[in-house]
Amino acid sequence: MPASAAVVAQGNRLALLWSNIDLPGKISRTSGKVVRVAGQGLVRTVQHHDPKNRKGPIVLPEFAVVMLTRRKATLELHTE
């Protein structure tokens, strides 16, 4: 997702799953973040009580919905 599409920390944007995104509703929710772990590299984690995690739905601007819709369609074509 473009950085300007939602005010969410970079680690949270990197951890977004398709199940976190409601395209018809034009919202997303964070469910984790990507952190660097020594000896493992980047790892997606879920930390429910992290005060830095944004709570509640995040409204997606129209350009992000269009971009994500196109991206999802492209991914579905390549996985069939």
PDB file of N, CA and C in Angstrom:
ATOM      1  N   MET A   1       0.849  -1.167   0.000  1.00  0.00           N
ATOM      2  CA  MET A   1       0.000   0.000   0.000  1.00  0.00           C
ATOM      3  C   MET A   1       0.895   1.230   0.000  1.00  0.00           C
ATOM      4  N   PRO A   2       0.581   2.227  -0.798  1.00  0.00           N
ATOM      5  CA  PRO A   2       1.391   3.445  -0.795  1.00  0.00           C
ATOM      6  C   PRO A   2       1.425   4.067   0.596  1.00  0.00           C
ATOM      7  N   ALA A   3       2.552   4.629   0.955  1.00  0.00           N
ATOM      8  CA  ALA A   3       2.690   5.222   2.281  1.00  0.00           C
ATOM      9  C   ALA A   3       1.655   6.308   2.535  1.00  0.00           C
ATOM     10  N   SER A   4       1.259   7.028   1.512  1.00  0.00           N
ATOM     11  CA  SER A   4       0.302   8.108   1.691  1.00  0.00           C
ATOM     12  C   SER A   4      -1.139   7.622   1.755  1.00  0.00           C
ATOM     13  N   ALA A   5      -1.369   6.316   1.551  1.00  0.00           N
ATOM     14  CA  ALA A   5      -2.738   5.798   1.531  1.00  0.00           C
ATOM     15  C   ALA A   5      -3.347   5.702   2.919  1.00  0.00           C
ATOM     16  N   ALA A   6      -2.554   5.472   3.918  1.00  0.00           N
ATOM     17  CA  ALA A   6      -3.077   5.370   5.282  1.00  0.00           C
ATOM     18  C   ALA A   6      -1.973   5.756   6.256  1.00  0.00           C
ATOM     19  N   VAL A   7      -2.372   6.412   7.335  1.00  0.00           N
ATOM     20  CA  VAL A   7      -1.404   6.832   8.339  1.00  0.00           C
ATOM     21  C   VAL A   7      -1.194   5.660   9.292  1.00  0.00           C
ATOM     22  N   VAL A   8      -0.268   4.798   8.896  1.00  0.00           N
ATOM     23  CA  VAL A   8       0.038   3.586   9.654  1.00  0.00           C
ATOM     24  C   VAL A   8       1.549   3.417   9.621  1.00  0.00           C
ATOM     25  N   ALA A   9       2.118   2.966  10.706  1.00  0.00           N
ATOM     26  CA  ALA A   9       3.562   2.760  10.761  1.00  0.00           C
ATOM     27  C   ALA A   9       4.007   1.769   9.692  1.00  0.00           C
ATOM     28  N   GLN A  10       5.215   1.945   9.200  1.00  0.00           N
ATOM     29  CA  GLN A  10       5.732   1.108   8.116  1.00  0.00           C
ATOM     30  C   GLN A  10       5.678  -0.378   8.460  1.00  0.00           C
ATOM     31  N   GLY A  11       6.042  -0.741   9.667  1.00  0.00           N
ATOM     32  CA  GLY A  11       6.013  -2.138  10.070  1.00  0.00           C
ATOM     33  C   GLY A  11       4.612  -2.730  10.022  1.00  0.00           C
ATOM     34  N   ASN A  12       3.602  -1.906  10.326  1.00  0.00           N
ATOM     35  CA  ASN A  12       2.215  -2.361  10.251  1.00  0.00           C
ATOM     36  C   ASN A  12       1.757  -2.502   8.799  1.00  0.00           C
ATOM     37  N   ARG A  13       2.169  -1.574   7.940  1.00  0.00           N
ATOM     38  CA  ARG A  13       1.797  -1.665   6.515  1.00  0.00           C
ATOM     39  C   ARG A  13       2.386  -2.922   5.893  1.00  0.00           C
ATOM     40  N   LEU A  14       3.643  -3.218   6.233  1.00  0.00           N
ATOM     41  CA  LEU A  14       4.293  -4.400   5.674  1.00  0.00           C
ATOM     42  C   LEU A  14       3.622  -5.693   6.124  1.00  0.00           C
ATOM     43  N   ALA A  15       2.963  -5.673   7.265  1.00  0.00           N
ATOM     44  CA  ALA A  15       2.352  -6.884   7.821  1.00  0.00           C
ATOM     45  C   ALA A  15       0.892  -7.069   7.412  1.00  0.00           C
ATOM     46  N   LEU A  16       0.350  -6.165   6.597  1.00  0.00           N
ATOM     47  CA  LEU A  16      -1.049  -6.306   6.194  1.00  0.00           C
ATOM     48  C   LEU A  16      -1.285  -7.604   5.436  1.00  0.00           C
ATOM     49  N   LEU A  17      -2.398  -8.229   5.719  1.00  0.00           N
ATOM     50  CA  LEU A  17      -2.841  -9.428   5.015  1.00  0.00           C
ATOM     51  C   LEU A  17      -4.091  -9.060   4.224  1.00  0.00           C
ATOM     52  N   TRP A  18      -4.377  -9.824   3.166  1.00  0.00           N
ATOM     53  CA  TRP A  18      -5.600  -9.538   2.406  1.00  0.00           C
ATOM     54  C   TRP A  18      -6.824  -9.641   3.307  1.00  0.00           C
ATOM     55  N   SER A  19      -6.761 -10.494   4.311  1.00  0.00           N
ATOM     56  CA  SER A  19      -7.897 -10.632   5.224  1.00  0.00           C
ATOM     57  C   SER A  19      -8.089  -9.396   6.103  1.00  0.00           C
ATOM     58  N   ASN A  20      -7.092  -8.505   6.153  1.00  0.00           N
ATOM     59  CA  ASN A  20      -7.208  -7.254   6.906  1.00  0.00           C
ATOM     60  C   ASN A  20      -7.881  -6.152   6.103  1.00  0.00           C
ATOM     61  N   ILE A  21      -8.085  -6.386   4.816  1.00  0.00           N
ATOM     62  CA  ILE A  21      -8.566  -5.331   3.919  1.00  0.00           C
ATOM     63  C   ILE A  21      -9.980  -5.634   3.458  1.00  0.00           C
ATOM     64  N   ASP A  22     -10.875  -4.677   3.662  1.00  0.00           N
ATOM     65  CA  ASP A  22     -12.260  -4.768   3.201  1.00  0.00           C
ATOM     66  C   ASP A  22     -12.404  -3.766   2.062  1.00  0.00           C
ATOM     67  N   LEU A  23     -12.212  -4.245   0.822  1.00  0.00           N
ATOM     68  CA  LEU A  23     -12.256  -3.337  -0.329  1.00  0.00           C
ATOM     69  C   LEU A  23     -13.632  -2.710  -0.528  1.00  0.00           C
ATOM     70  N   PRO A  24     -14.756  -3.474  -0.484  1.00  0.00           N
ATOM     71  CA  PRO A  24     -16.064  -2.832  -0.637  1.00  0.00           C
ATOM     72  C   PRO A  24     -16.342  -1.799   0.463  1.00  0.00           C
ATOM     73  N   GLY A  25     -15.883  -2.080   1.678  1.00  0.00           N
ATOM     74  CA  GLY A  25     -16.084  -1.150   2.788  1.00  0.00           C
ATOM     75  C   GLY A  25     -15.056  -0.035   2.845  1.00  0.00           C
ATOM     76  N   LYS A  26     -14.002  -0.147   2.029  1.00  0.00           N
ATOM     77  CA  LYS A  26     -12.930   0.848   1.935  1.00  0.00           C
ATOM     78  C   LYS A  26     -12.228   1.071   3.268  1.00  0.00           C
ATOM     79  N   ILE A  27     -11.993  -0.052   4.004  1.00  0.00           N
ATOM     80  CA  ILE A  27     -11.277   0.053   5.275  1.00  0.00           C
ATOM     81  C   ILE A  27     -10.258  -1.084   5.387  1.00  0.00           C
ATOM     82  N   SER A  28      -9.302  -0.879   6.265  1.00  0.00           N
ATOM     83  CA  SER A  28      -8.370  -1.946   6.620  1.00  0.00           C
ATOM     84  C   SER A  28      -8.175  -1.908   8.127  1.00  0.00           C
ATOM     85  N   ARG A  29      -7.661  -2.991   8.646  1.00  0.00           N
ATOM     86  CA  ARG A  29      -7.350  -3.092  10.073  1.00  0.00           C
ATOM     87  C   ARG A  29      -5.962  -3.705  10.194  1.00  0.00           C
ATOM     88  N   THR A  30      -5.208  -3.250  11.158  1.00  0.00           N
ATOM     89  CA  THR A  30      -3.895  -3.845  11.381  1.00  0.00           C
ATOM     90  C   THR A  30      -4.042  -5.045  12.312  1.00  0.00           C
ATOM     91  N   SER A  31      -3.248  -6.073  12.052  1.00  0.00           N
ATOM     92  CA  SER A  31      -3.299  -7.261  12.907  1.00  0.00           C
ATOM     93  C   SER A  31      -1.907  -7.713  13.314  1.00  0.00           C
ATOM     94  N   GLY A  32      -0.906  -6.978  12.935  1.00  0.00           N
ATOM     95  CA  GLY A  32       0.460  -7.358  13.279  1.00  0.00           C
ATOM     96  C   GLY A  32       1.435  -6.332  12.749  1.00  0.00           C
ATOM     97  N   LYS A  33       2.708  -6.667  12.864  1.00  0.00           N
ATOM     98  CA  LYS A  33       3.737  -5.796  12.308  1.00  0.00           C
ATOM     99  C   LYS A  33       4.953  -6.624  11.959  1.00  0.00           C
ATOM    100  N   VAL A  34       5.805  -6.062  11.132  1.00  0.00           N
ATOM    101  CA  VAL A  34       7.045  -6.717  10.739  1.00  0.00           C
ATOM    102  C   VAL A  34       8.174  -6.114  11.570  1.00  0.00           C
ATOM    103  N   VAL A  35       8.944  -6.981  12.199  1.00  0.00           N
ATOM    104  CA  VAL A  35      10.084  -6.546  13.012  1.00  0.00           C
ATOM    105  C   VAL A  35      11.319  -7.327  12.585  1.00  0.00           C
ATOM    106  N   ARG A  36      12.483  -6.752  12.843  1.00  0.00           N
ATOM    107  CA  ARG A  36      13.749  -7.428  12.546  1.00  0.00           C
ATOM    108  C   ARG A  36      14.160  -8.226  13.780  1.00  0.00           C
ATOM    109  N   VAL A  37      14.405  -9.521  13.562  1.00  0.00           N
ATOM    110  CA  VAL A  37      14.826 -10.415  14.639  1.00  0.00           C
ATOM    111  C   VAL A  37      16.242 -10.890  14.318  1.00  0.00           C
ATOM    112  N   ALA A  38      17.142 -10.703  15.268  1.00  0.00           N
ATOM    113  CA  ALA A  38      18.540 -11.109  15.073  1.00  0.00           C
ATOM    114  C   ALA A  38      18.612 -12.588  14.703  1.00  0.00           C
ATOM    115  N   GLY A  39      19.325 -12.871  13.637  1.00  0.00           N
ATOM    116  CA  GLY A  39      19.512 -14.240  13.192  1.00  0.00           C
ATOM    117  C   GLY A  39      18.390 -14.793  12.327  1.00  0.00           C
ATOM    118  N   GLN A  40      17.272 -14.054  12.218  1.00  0.00           N
ATOM    119  CA  GLN A  40      16.137 -14.508  11.417  1.00  0.00           C
ATOM    120  C   GLN A  40      15.771 -13.536  10.300  1.00  0.00           C
ATOM    121  N   GLY A  41      16.095 -12.284  10.471  1.00  0.00           N
ATOM    122  CA  GLY A  41      15.702 -11.272   9.490  1.00  0.00           C
ATOM    123  C   GLY A  41      14.358 -10.657   9.849  1.00  0.00           C
ATOM    124  N   LEU A  42      13.557 -10.334   8.830  1.00  0.00           N
ATOM    125  CA  LEU A  42      12.254  -9.715   9.064  1.00  0.00           C
ATOM    126  C   LEU A  42      11.218 -10.791   9.363  1.00  0.00           C
ATOM    127  N   VAL A  43      10.432 -10.559  10.408  1.00  0.00           N
ATOM    128  CA  VAL A  43       9.446 -11.531  10.863  1.00  0.00           C
ATOM    129  C   VAL A  43       8.132 -10.800  11.147  1.00  0.00           C
ATOM    130  N   ARG A  44       7.020 -11.391  10.676  1.00  0.00           N
ATOM    131  CA  ARG A  44       5.702 -10.832  10.983  1.00  0.00           C
ATOM    132  C   ARG A  44       5.282 -11.323  12.360  1.00  0.00           C
ATOM    133  N   THR A  45       4.895 -10.388  13.221  1.00  0.00           N
ATOM    134  CA  THR A  45       4.467 -10.739  14.572  1.00  0.00           C
ATOM    135  C   THR A  45       3.084 -10.160  14.834  1.00  0.00           C
ATOM    136  N   VAL A  46       2.395 -10.747  15.788  1.00  0.00           N
ATOM    137  CA  VAL A  46       1.108 -10.223  16.245  1.00  0.00           C
ATOM    138  C   VAL A  46       1.269  -9.885  17.718  1.00  0.00           C
ATOM    139  N   GLN A  47       1.109  -8.603  18.026  1.00  0.00           N
ATOM    140  CA  GLN A  47       1.230  -8.142  19.406  1.00  0.00           C
ATOM    141  C   GLN A  47      -0.036  -7.356  19.726  1.00  0.00           C
ATOM    142  N   HIS A  48      -0.950  -7.998  20.423  1.00  0.00           N
ATOM    143  CA  HIS A  48      -2.267  -7.406  20.659  1.00  0.00           C
ATOM    144  C   HIS A  48      -2.229  -6.183  21.568  1.00  0.00           C
ATOM    145  N   HIS A  49      -1.265  -6.097  22.461  1.00  0.00           N
ATOM    146  CA  HIS A  49      -1.260  -5.006  23.440  1.00  0.00           C
ATOM    147  C   HIS A  49      -0.128  -4.016  23.211  1.00  0.00           C
ATOM    148  N   ASP A  50       0.329  -3.900  21.962  1.00  0.00           N
ATOM    149  CA  ASP A  50       1.390  -2.958  21.634  1.00  0.00           C
ATOM    150  C   ASP A  50       0.777  -1.554  21.547  1.00  0.00           C
ATOM    151  N   PRO A  51       1.214  -0.619  22.394  1.00  0.00           N
ATOM    152  CA  PRO A  51       0.628   0.721  22.375  1.00  0.00           C
ATOM    153  C   PRO A  51       0.879   1.491  21.078  1.00  0.00           C
ATOM    154  N   LYS A  52       1.858   1.036  20.276  1.00  0.00           N
ATOM    155  CA  LYS A  52       2.147   1.709  19.016  1.00  0.00           C
ATOM    156  C   LYS A  52       1.222   1.260  17.893  1.00  0.00           C
ATOM    157  N   ASN A  53       0.523   0.132  18.074  1.00  0.00           N
ATOM    158  CA  ASN A  53      -0.386  -0.359  17.042  1.00  0.00           C
ATOM    159  C   ASN A  53      -1.647   0.486  17.003  1.00  0.00           C
ATOM    160  N   ARG A  54      -2.040   0.841  15.814  1.00  0.00           N
ATOM    161  CA  ARG A  54      -3.252   1.615  15.637  1.00  0.00           C
ATOM    162  C   ARG A  54      -4.460   0.707  15.874  1.00  0.00           C
ATOM    163  N   LYS A  55      -5.431   1.213  16.578  1.00  0.00           N
ATOM    164  CA  LYS A  55      -6.636   0.447  16.884  1.00  0.00           C
ATOM    165  C   LYS A  55      -7.778   0.912  15.981  1.00  0.00           C
ATOM    166  N   GLY A  56      -8.687   0.028  15.692  1.00  0.00           N
ATOM    167  CA  GLY A  56      -9.870   0.383  14.929  1.00  0.00           C
ATOM    168  C   GLY A  56      -9.628   0.379  13.432  1.00  0.00           C
ATOM    169  N   PRO A  57     -10.705   0.591  12.672  1.00  0.00           N
ATOM    170  CA  PRO A  57     -10.593   0.568  11.212  1.00  0.00           C
ATOM    171  C   PRO A  57      -9.863   1.798  10.679  1.00  0.00           C
ATOM    172  N   ILE A  58      -9.203   1.601   9.550  1.00  0.00           N
ATOM    173  CA  ILE A  58      -8.490   2.684   8.870  1.00  0.00           C
ATOM    174  C   ILE A  58      -9.187   2.890   7.534  1.00  0.00           C
ATOM    175  N   VAL A  59      -9.707   4.081   7.321  1.00  0.00           N
ATOM    176  CA  VAL A  59     -10.409   4.387   6.077  1.00  0.00           C
ATOM    177  C   VAL A  59      -9.392   4.516   4.952  1.00  0.00           C
ATOM    178  N   LEU A  60      -9.647   3.798   3.855  1.00  0.00           N
ATOM    179  CA  LEU A  60      -8.754   3.842   2.702  1.00  0.00           C
ATOM    180  C   LEU A  60      -9.249   4.866   1.695  1.00  0.00           C
ATOM    181  N   PRO A  61      -8.363   5.718   1.185  1.00  0.00           N
ATOM    182  CA  PRO A  61      -8.759   6.657   0.136  1.00  0.00           C
ATOM    183  C   PRO A  61      -9.047   5.903  -1.161  1.00  0.00           C
ATOM    184  N   GLU A  62      -9.803   6.520  -2.028  1.00  0.00           N
ATOM    185  CA  GLU A  62     -10.244   5.876  -3.268  1.00  0.00           C
ATOM    186  C   GLU A  62      -9.071   5.358  -4.103  1.00  0.00           C
ATOM    187  N   PHE A  63      -7.981   6.134  -4.209  1.00  0.00           N
ATOM    188  CA  PHE A  63      -6.859   5.668  -5.041  1.00  0.00           C
ATOM    189  C   PHE A  63      -6.250   4.390  -4.474  1.00  0.00           C
ATOM    190  N   ALA A  64      -6.263   4.222  -3.155  1.00  0.00           N
ATOM    191  CA  ALA A  64      -5.727   2.995  -2.554  1.00  0.00           C
ATOM    192  C   ALA A  64      -6.652   1.814  -2.838  1.00  0.00           C
ATOM    193  N   VAL A  65      -7.959   2.047  -2.792  1.00  0.00           N
ATOM    194  CA  VAL A  65      -8.924   0.989  -3.093  1.00  0.00           C
ATOM    195  C   VAL A  65      -8.754   0.532  -4.541  1.00  0.00           C
ATOM    196  N   VAL A  66      -8.602   1.474  -5.458  1.00  0.00           N
ATOM    197  CA  VAL A  66      -8.408   1.140  -6.879  1.00  0.00           C
ATOM    198  C   VAL A  66      -7.119   0.343  -7.058  1.00  0.00           C
ATOM    199  N   MET A  67      -6.032   0.809  -6.464  1.00  0.00           N
ATOM    200  CA  MET A  67      -4.740   0.134  -6.591  1.00  0.00           C
ATOM    201  C   MET A  67      -4.798  -1.273  -6.004  1.00  0.00           C
ATOM    202  N   LEU A  68      -5.382  -1.421  -4.818  1.00  0.00           N
ATOM    203  CA  LEU A  68      -5.457  -2.729  -4.175  1.00  0.00           C
ATOM    204  C   LEU A  68      -6.373  -3.684  -4.938  1.00  0.00           C
ATOM    205  N   THR A  69      -7.453  -3.166  -5.503  1.00  0.00           N
ATOM    206  CA  THR A  69      -8.361  -3.991  -6.302  1.00  0.00           C
ATOM    207  C   THR A  69      -7.630  -4.541  -7.522  1.00  0.00           C
ATOM    208  N   ARG A  70      -6.875  -3.685  -8.193  1.00  0.00           N
ATOM    209  CA  ARG A  70      -6.102  -4.132  -9.360  1.00  0.00           C
ATOM    210  C   ARG A  70      -5.037  -5.147  -8.962  1.00  0.00           C
ATOM    211  N   ARG A  71      -4.364  -4.880  -7.857  1.00  0.00           N
ATOM    212  CA  ARG A  71      -3.300  -5.779  -7.404  1.00  0.00           C
ATOM    213  C   ARG A  71      -3.868  -7.154  -7.044  1.00  0.00           C
ATOM    214  N   LYS A  72      -4.995  -7.165  -6.357  1.00  0.00           N
ATOM    215  CA  LYS A  72      -5.615  -8.434  -5.968  1.00  0.00           C
ATOM    216  C   LYS A  72      -6.038  -9.224  -7.202  1.00  0.00           C
ATOM    217  N   ALA A  73      -6.609  -8.542  -8.208  1.00  0.00           N
ATOM    218  CA  ALA A  73      -7.020  -9.209  -9.438  1.00  0.00           C
ATOM    219  C   ALA A  73      -5.813  -9.798 -10.153  1.00  0.00           C
ATOM    220  N   THR A  74      -4.706  -9.070 -10.191  1.00  0.00           N
ATOM    221  CA  THR A  74      -3.481  -9.574 -10.836  1.00  0.00           C
ATOM    222  C   THR A  74      -2.947 -10.802 -10.103  1.00  0.00           C
ATOM    223  N   LEU A  75      -2.945 -10.756  -8.795  1.00  0.00           N
ATOM    224  CA  LEU A  75      -2.470 -11.894  -8.002  1.00  0.00           C
ATOM    225  C   LEU A  75      -3.355 -13.124  -8.223  1.00  0.00           C
ATOM    226  N   GLU A  76      -4.651 -12.922  -8.298  1.00  0.00           N
ATOM    227  CA  GLU A  76      -5.573 -14.041  -8.512  1.00  0.00           C
ATOM    228  C   GLU A  76      -5.381 -14.665  -9.885  1.00  0.00           C
ATOM    229  N   LEU A  77      -5.057 -13.851 -10.897  1.00  0.00           N
ATOM    230  CA  LEU A  77      -4.788 -14.389 -12.228  1.00  0.00           C
ATOM    231  C   LEU A  77      -3.562 -15.292 -12.234  1.00  0.00           C
ATOM    232  N   HIS A  78      -2.553 -14.917 -11.468  1.00  0.00           N
ATOM    233  CA  HIS A  78      -1.295 -15.661 -11.463  1.00  0.00           C
ATOM    234  C   HIS A  78      -1.317 -16.874 -10.539  1.00  0.00           C
ATOM    235  N   THR A  79      -2.342 -17.020  -9.726  1.00  0.00           N
ATOM    236  CA  THR A  79      -2.408 -18.166  -8.808  1.00  0.00           C
ATOM    237  C   THR A  79      -3.397 -19.225  -9.294  1.00  0.00           C
ATOM    238  N   GLU A  80      -4.050 -18.984 -10.412  1.00  0.00           N
ATOM    239  CA  GLU A  80      -5.014 -19.959 -10.932  1.00  0.00           C
ATOM    240  C   GLU A  80      -4.333 -20.990 -11.798  1.00  0.00           C
TER     241      GLU A  80
END
